[in-house]
C-alpha cells in the first residue's frame, strides 16, 4: 500500500506536470478528459487526499455536506476560484489554493487580441474569406474602429488589469482609466499610464473600450447588466477575459442587437461550454473558447504552481497560494 498521498486530477494536464505529480503522489488521472459529474466529484472528495479541479469543475456547497470527506486540499488549476464554494470547503476543513501570477501576460494578450479583433472586425473578415464571399478591396468594405489613441476603461486593476493597461498605453497610445475596489497609489497607476476613477459607472461612461479583469461570483455576478451597458458610449466595445458571470449575457445580446454598444469580445461565458445561440448568431461579437492561459508555457507553469501548493501542504508547510 502506497504511503504517498492520493490525488485525483479532474482533467488532463500538460504531460510534464502529470509526470511530476505521478512521481510525488499516488495519482489518478481522468484518462477520458471529459467533465466529471457532481456525483463523481463528490466521490473523489471521499476517496482521495487531494482533488485537483479546474475552472470547468463546479464544487458547490452540497458536495462538501454529508460527511465522509477524505480530501484535505483542493489544488485549483487556475487563478479564479468562484466555481468552488470556498466557505463550504473551509467549513469542511479543506484548504483551497490557486495559481496566481503565471497567467498574467497570456491572459492580457488574449484581451488585447479580442479588443483588436472586434474593433477591426477580424472575425467577420475571416468568415467572409473562408466562405469565398470576399469580392475584393473597396473603400467602404468592413469599416471598423481605430484603436490607437482611444480611451481604455479597465474594471479590476490587479496583475492582469495592469498588464492590459501596459499594452494599451505604451503599445497603442491609449488613455487608460480604471475602477478598482481598493485605492491604488497614483504613482503605481502612473507606471501603466493609468488613472483611477471613483466608480464602475465613471469608467463605463469615459471609455471607448471596456476590459473586464475582476473576480467572478458574489457581488460581481452580472456586474455588467442592462443598466450599465446603457451607460457606455454607443460606439464602445466590451471585452471580457475575467469570468463569464460578470456579464449578464441576455442583456449583452440585447445591447449588441439594438446598437446600445458597437461590439464585444468574449473569452469566457456564464455556462461554459454552453454559449447562447443568440450570442453565436451575432456578427459584432468575437467569441473564443476560454483561451486566456492557453499557451504551453503558461499551462505548465500553472500545473507546477499546483504541484508546489500540494507538495508544501503534505509536507506540513503553508501552501504558497492558499486562498482558504
Protein backbone atom coordinates (compact mmCIF):
# COMPACT_ATOMS: atom_id res chain seq x y z
CA UNK A 1 0.00 0.00 0.00
CA UNK A 2 1.42 3.37 -1.05
CA UNK A 3 2.50 5.83 1.65
CA UNK A 4 2.14 8.69 -0.81
CA UNK A 5 -0.91 10.97 -0.56
CA UNK A 6 -3.60 10.04 -3.07
CA UNK A 7 -4.69 12.73 -5.52
CA UNK A 8 -7.27 12.93 -8.29
CA UNK A 9 -6.73 15.22 -11.29
CA UNK A 10 -10.11 16.14 -12.78
CA UNK A 11 -8.88 16.82 -16.35
CA UNK A 12 -5.76 16.02 -18.36
CA UNK A 13 -2.88 18.43 -17.70
CA UNK A 14 0.35 19.00 -19.66
CA UNK A 15 2.40 15.80 -19.71
CA UNK A 16 5.34 17.38 -17.92
CA UNK A 17 3.13 18.26 -14.96
CA UNK A 18 1.37 14.89 -14.86
CA UNK A 19 4.76 13.20 -14.75
CA UNK A 20 5.84 15.19 -11.69
CA UNK A 21 2.51 14.53 -9.98
CA UNK A 22 2.83 10.79 -10.66
CA UNK A 23 6.33 10.75 -9.20
CA UNK A 24 5.35 12.53 -5.98
CA UNK A 25 1.84 11.25 -5.34
CA UNK A 26 -0.46 8.30 -5.85
CA UNK A 27 -2.12 9.91 -8.83
CA UNK A 28 -5.41 9.15 -10.54
CA UNK A 29 -5.85 10.83 -13.92
CA UNK A 30 -9.07 11.44 -15.81
CA UNK A 31 -7.96 9.44 -18.84
CA UNK A 32 -11.07 10.29 -20.88
CA UNK A 33 -10.57 14.04 -20.22
CA UNK A 34 -14.33 14.53 -20.00
CA UNK A 35 -16.05 16.74 -17.40
CA UNK A 36 -16.69 14.89 -14.14
CA UNK A 37 -20.25 14.68 -12.86
CA UNK A 38 -21.25 16.17 -9.50
CA UNK A 39 -21.52 12.62 -8.16
CA UNK A 40 -18.02 11.85 -9.42
CA UNK A 41 -16.57 14.95 -7.78
CA UNK A 42 -18.38 14.16 -4.52
CA UNK A 43 -16.94 10.64 -4.60
CA UNK A 44 -13.46 11.98 -5.29
CA UNK A 45 -13.64 14.17 -2.19
CA UNK A 46 -14.30 10.99 -0.19
CA UNK A 47 -11.73 8.71 -1.79
CA UNK A 48 -8.62 10.89 -2.23
CA UNK A 49 -6.41 13.03 -0.02
CA UNK A 50 -6.45 15.85 -2.59
CA UNK A 51 -8.60 16.81 -5.55
CA UNK A 52 -7.12 19.00 -8.28
CA UNK A 53 -10.02 20.75 -10.05
CA UNK A 54 -10.08 23.20 -12.93
CA UNK A 55 -12.31 26.19 -13.68
CA UNK A 56 -14.62 23.88 -15.64
CA UNK A 57 -15.48 21.90 -12.48
CA UNK A 58 -18.29 23.04 -10.19
CA UNK A 59 -17.89 22.36 -6.48
CA UNK A 60 -20.97 23.82 -4.74
CA UNK A 61 -21.70 23.56 -1.02
CA UNK A 62 -23.67 20.31 -1.26
CA UNK A 63 -20.60 18.41 -2.46
CA UNK A 64 -18.99 19.04 0.94
CA UNK A 65 -22.00 18.02 3.02
CA UNK A 66 -22.96 14.60 4.29
CA UNK A 67 -19.65 13.69 5.93
CA UNK A 68 -17.10 11.08 4.96
CA UNK A 69 -14.69 13.55 3.40
CA UNK A 70 -11.11 12.36 2.95
CA UNK A 71 -9.75 15.27 0.91
CA UNK A 72 -7.82 17.88 2.86
CA UNK A 73 -6.86 20.20 0.00
CA UNK A 74 -8.22 21.41 -3.35
CA UNK A 75 -5.29 22.34 -5.58
CA UNK A 76 -7.19 24.50 -8.05
CA UNK A 77 -5.71 24.77 -11.55
CA UNK A 78 -6.43 28.43 -12.26
CA UNK A 79 -6.32 31.82 -10.61
CA UNK A 80 -10.11 32.17 -10.37
CA UNK A 81 -11.95 30.02 -7.84
CA UNK A 82 -15.56 31.20 -7.92
CA UNK A 83 -16.51 27.72 -9.19
CA UNK A 84 -15.69 26.43 -5.68
CA UNK A 85 -17.83 27.19 -2.63
CA UNK A 86 -14.78 28.23 -0.67
CA UNK A 87 -16.74 28.86 2.54
CA UNK A 88 -18.18 25.33 2.44
CA UNK A 89 -14.76 23.84 1.73
CA UNK A 90 -13.22 25.77 4.61
CA UNK A 91 -16.02 24.73 6.97
CA UNK A 92 -15.30 21.12 5.99
CA UNK A 93 -11.63 21.59 6.88
CA UNK A 94 -10.41 21.61 3.29
CA UNK A 95 -7.67 24.02 2.18
CA UNK A 96 -8.08 25.74 -1.20
CA UNK A 97 -5.19 27.04 -3.33
CA UNK A 98 -4.95 28.72 -6.72
CA UNK A 99 -2.31 29.65 -9.33
CA UNK A 100 -1.81 33.43 -9.45
CA UNK A 101 0.85 35.34 -11.35
CA UNK A 102 1.86 32.85 -14.02
CA UNK A 103 -1.02 33.51 -16.43
CA UNK A 104 -0.94 37.31 -16.31
CA UNK A 105 0.75 38.05 -19.62
CA UNK A 106 -1.03 35.43 -21.69
CA UNK A 107 -4.46 36.48 -20.43
CA UNK A 108 -3.67 40.12 -21.16
CA UNK A 109 -2.52 39.05 -24.63
CA UNK A 110 -5.91 37.42 -25.26
CA UNK A 111 -7.72 40.53 -24.01
CA UNK A 112 -5.67 42.58 -26.46
CA UNK A 113 -6.42 40.05 -29.21
CA UNK A 114 -10.15 40.38 -28.57
CA UNK A 115 -10.01 44.17 -28.44
CA UNK A 116 -8.23 44.40 -31.79
CA UNK A 117 -10.30 41.65 -33.38
CA UNK A 118 -13.66 43.16 -32.57
CA UNK A 119 -12.58 46.73 -33.34
CA UNK A 120 -11.18 45.77 -36.75
CA UNK A 121 -13.88 43.18 -37.48
CA UNK A 122 -11.30 40.43 -37.90
CA UNK A 123 -13.72 37.63 -37.08
CA UNK A 124 -16.20 38.83 -39.67
CA UNK A 125 -13.45 39.27 -42.22
CA UNK A 126 -12.04 35.79 -41.77
CA UNK A 127 -15.51 34.24 -42.04
CA UNK A 128 -16.08 36.14 -45.29
CA UNK A 129 -12.78 34.98 -46.79
CA UNK A 130 -13.26 31.34 -45.72
CA UNK A 131 -16.77 31.33 -47.19
CA UNK A 132 -15.41 32.52 -50.53
CA UNK A 133 -17.58 35.64 -50.34
CA UNK A 134 -14.88 38.33 -50.48
CA UNK A 135 -15.31 40.32 -53.69
CA UNK A 136 -12.12 42.36 -53.35
CA UNK A 137 -10.87 45.56 -51.71
CA UNK A 138 -13.14 48.58 -51.74
CA UNK A 139 -13.16 51.85 -49.75
CA UNK A 140 -16.36 51.11 -47.83
CA UNK A 141 -15.75 47.45 -47.04
CA UNK A 142 -15.97 46.26 -43.43
CA UNK A 143 -15.09 49.54 -41.77
CA UNK A 144 -14.05 49.12 -38.16
CA UNK A 145 -12.82 51.37 -35.36
CA UNK A 146 -9.35 52.82 -34.86
CA UNK A 147 -7.74 51.65 -31.62
CA UNK A 148 -4.69 53.88 -31.32
CA UNK A 149 -5.29 56.98 -29.20
CA UNK A 150 -8.66 55.88 -27.84
CA UNK A 151 -9.66 55.54 -24.16
CA UNK A 152 -9.47 52.16 -22.45
CA UNK A 153 -11.54 51.55 -19.32
CA UNK A 154 -10.44 48.71 -17.05
CA UNK A 155 -12.58 47.14 -14.33
CA UNK A 156 -10.24 45.43 -11.87
CA UNK A 157 -6.66 46.72 -11.67
CA UNK A 158 -4.85 43.63 -10.46
CA UNK A 159 -1.99 41.87 -12.23
CA UNK A 160 -3.89 41.24 -15.46
CA UNK A 161 -5.58 44.64 -15.49
CA UNK A 162 -2.18 46.30 -15.13
CA UNK A 163 -0.71 44.14 -17.90
CA UNK A 164 -3.58 45.15 -20.18
CA UNK A 165 -3.09 48.82 -19.34
CA UNK A 166 0.62 48.50 -20.16
CA UNK A 167 -0.11 47.01 -23.58
CA UNK A 168 -2.74 49.58 -24.47
CA UNK A 169 -0.99 52.70 -23.18
CA UNK A 170 2.55 52.02 -24.33
CA UNK A 171 1.66 49.93 -27.38
CA UNK A 172 -1.33 51.88 -28.71
CA UNK A 173 -1.00 55.29 -27.05
CA UNK A 174 -4.34 54.83 -25.31
CA UNK A 175 -5.57 56.89 -22.38
CA UNK A 176 -6.30 54.42 -19.57
CA UNK A 177 -8.83 54.85 -16.78
CA UNK A 178 -9.82 52.16 -14.31
CA UNK A 179 -12.02 51.18 -11.41
CA UNK A 180 -10.70 49.06 -8.55
CA UNK A 181 -12.37 48.24 -5.24
CA UNK A 182 -9.32 49.38 -3.28
CA UNK A 183 -7.33 52.53 -3.81
CA UNK A 184 -4.25 52.24 -6.00
CA UNK A 185 -1.30 54.53 -5.30
CA UNK A 186 -1.41 57.15 -8.08
CA UNK A 187 2.33 56.71 -8.58
CA UNK A 188 1.79 52.98 -9.13
CA UNK A 189 -1.08 53.63 -11.57
CA UNK A 190 1.02 56.14 -13.49
CA UNK A 191 3.59 53.43 -14.22
CA UNK A 192 0.95 51.97 -16.53
CA UNK A 193 -0.26 55.29 -17.90
CA UNK A 194 -3.48 54.88 -15.93
CA UNK A 195 -5.61 56.87 -13.52
CA UNK A 196 -8.24 55.62 -11.11
CA UNK A 197 -11.88 56.74 -11.25
CA UNK A 198 -14.33 56.52 -8.37
CA UNK A 199 -16.96 54.14 -9.77
CA UNK A 200 -17.56 51.47 -12.40
CA UNK A 201 -20.07 53.85 -13.94
CA UNK A 202 -17.44 56.56 -14.32
CA UNK A 203 -15.24 54.15 -16.26
CA UNK A 204 -18.07 52.92 -18.49
CA UNK A 205 -19.06 56.45 -19.43
CA UNK A 206 -15.49 57.52 -20.25
CA UNK A 207 -14.22 54.55 -22.24
CA UNK A 208 -14.20 53.65 -25.92
CA UNK A 209 -13.16 50.13 -24.92
CA UNK A 210 -14.02 48.46 -21.59
CA UNK A 211 -11.94 45.47 -20.49
CA UNK A 212 -13.02 43.35 -17.51
CA UNK A 213 -10.36 41.92 -15.19
CA UNK A 214 -12.25 41.46 -11.91
CA UNK A 215 -13.08 38.26 -9.99
CA UNK A 216 -16.32 36.45 -10.74
CA UNK A 217 -19.09 35.40 -8.39
CA UNK A 218 -20.56 37.16 -5.38
CA UNK A 219 -21.23 40.85 -5.81
CA UNK A 220 -19.58 40.80 -9.24
CA UNK A 221 -22.20 38.47 -10.74
CA UNK A 222 -23.85 40.47 -13.56
CA UNK A 223 -21.76 43.49 -12.67
CA UNK A 224 -22.23 44.46 -16.30
CA UNK A 225 -26.01 44.47 -16.71
CA UNK A 226 -28.51 46.26 -18.96
CA UNK A 227 -28.36 49.45 -16.92
CA UNK A 228 -24.57 49.65 -17.04
CA UNK A 229 -24.36 48.69 -20.71
CA UNK A 230 -26.65 51.63 -21.44
CA UNK A 231 -24.09 53.92 -19.79
CA UNK A 232 -21.42 53.00 -22.31
CA UNK A 233 -20.84 55.03 -25.45
CA UNK A 234 -22.78 53.77 -28.48
CA UNK A 235 -19.52 53.25 -30.34
CA UNK A 236 -17.89 51.44 -27.39
CA UNK A 237 -16.75 47.83 -27.17
CA UNK A 238 -16.77 45.40 -24.22
CA UNK A 239 -14.01 42.81 -23.67
CA UNK A 240 -14.33 40.06 -21.07
CA UNK A 241 -11.48 37.72 -20.13
CA UNK A 242 -12.42 37.65 -16.43
CA UNK A 243 -15.34 35.32 -15.64
CA UNK A 244 -18.49 34.72 -17.64
CA UNK A 245 -20.88 35.56 -14.84
CA UNK A 246 -19.53 39.12 -14.59
CA UNK A 247 -21.66 39.92 -17.66
CA UNK A 248 -25.42 39.41 -17.98
CA UNK A 249 -25.35 37.63 -21.34
CA UNK A 250 -29.03 38.23 -22.08
CA UNK A 251 -28.56 41.96 -21.55
CA UNK A 252 -25.41 41.89 -23.67
CA UNK A 253 -27.22 40.21 -26.58
CA UNK A 254 -29.92 42.89 -26.43
CA UNK A 255 -27.30 45.65 -26.31
CA UNK A 256 -25.43 44.23 -29.32
CA UNK A 257 -28.61 43.70 -31.32
CA UNK A 258 -30.01 47.15 -30.62
CA UNK A 259 -26.85 49.22 -31.06
CA UNK A 260 -26.51 50.13 -27.39
CA UNK A 261 -22.81 49.30 -27.83
CA UNK A 262 -20.93 48.56 -31.04
CA UNK A 263 -19.38 45.21 -30.25
CA UNK A 264 -17.88 42.76 -27.77
CA UNK A 265 -15.04 40.27 -27.43
CA UNK A 266 -15.56 37.35 -25.06
CA UNK A 267 -13.25 34.58 -23.88
CA UNK A 268 -15.49 33.46 -21.01
CA UNK A 269 -19.19 32.64 -20.67
CA UNK A 270 -21.79 32.18 -17.95
CA UNK A 271 -22.46 28.47 -18.52
CA UNK A 272 -19.32 27.21 -20.24
CA UNK A 273 -19.04 25.40 -22.57
CA UNK A 274 -22.60 26.38 -23.48
CA UNK A 275 -22.75 29.67 -25.39
CA UNK A 276 -26.23 31.06 -26.12
CA UNK A 277 -27.29 30.66 -29.75
CA UNK A 278 -28.40 34.29 -29.74
CA UNK A 279 -24.83 35.31 -28.97
CA UNK A 280 -23.32 32.97 -31.56
CA UNK A 281 -25.54 34.39 -34.28
CA UNK A 282 -24.30 37.96 -33.85
CA UNK A 283 -21.60 39.27 -36.19
CA UNK A 284 -20.45 42.10 -33.90
CA UNK A 285 -19.02 39.82 -31.23
CA UNK A 286 -15.79 37.81 -31.24
CA UNK A 287 -16.05 34.52 -29.32
CA UNK A 288 -13.10 32.48 -28.06
CA UNK A 289 -13.19 29.15 -26.13
CA UNK A 290 -11.56 30.33 -22.87
CA UNK A 291 -8.05 30.65 -24.31
CA UNK A 292 -6.69 33.21 -21.83
CA UNK A 293 -3.99 30.97 -20.38
CA UNK A 294 -3.72 28.59 -23.35
CA UNK A 295 -0.01 28.61 -24.09
CA UNK A 296 2.32 25.72 -23.37
CA UNK A 297 4.50 27.82 -21.08
CA UNK A 298 1.58 29.10 -19.02
CA UNK A 299 -0.34 25.84 -18.69
CA UNK A 300 2.81 24.07 -17.49
CA UNK A 301 3.57 26.90 -15.07
CA UNK A 302 0.02 26.72 -13.70
CA UNK A 303 0.36 23.00 -13.14
CA UNK A 304 3.67 23.42 -11.37
CA UNK A 305 2.06 26.01 -9.10
CA UNK A 306 -0.44 23.34 -8.06
CA UNK A 307 2.40 20.87 -7.55
CA UNK A 308 4.17 23.35 -5.28
CA UNK A 309 1.00 24.02 -3.30
CA UNK A 310 0.05 20.43 -2.58
CA UNK A 311 3.69 19.39 -2.03
CA UNK A 312 4.03 22.08 0.63
CA UNK A 313 0.71 21.11 2.22
CA UNK A 314 1.53 17.41 2.56
CA UNK A 315 5.00 18.31 3.87
CA UNK A 316 3.34 20.24 6.68
CA UNK A 317 4.19 23.68 5.28
CA UNK A 318 1.91 26.56 4.39
CA UNK A 319 0.90 26.36 0.72
CA UNK A 320 2.25 29.47 -1.05
CA UNK A 321 -1.01 30.23 -2.85
CA UNK A 322 -3.60 29.44 -0.19
CA UNK A 323 -6.93 31.26 -0.59
CA UNK A 324 -8.83 29.44 2.19
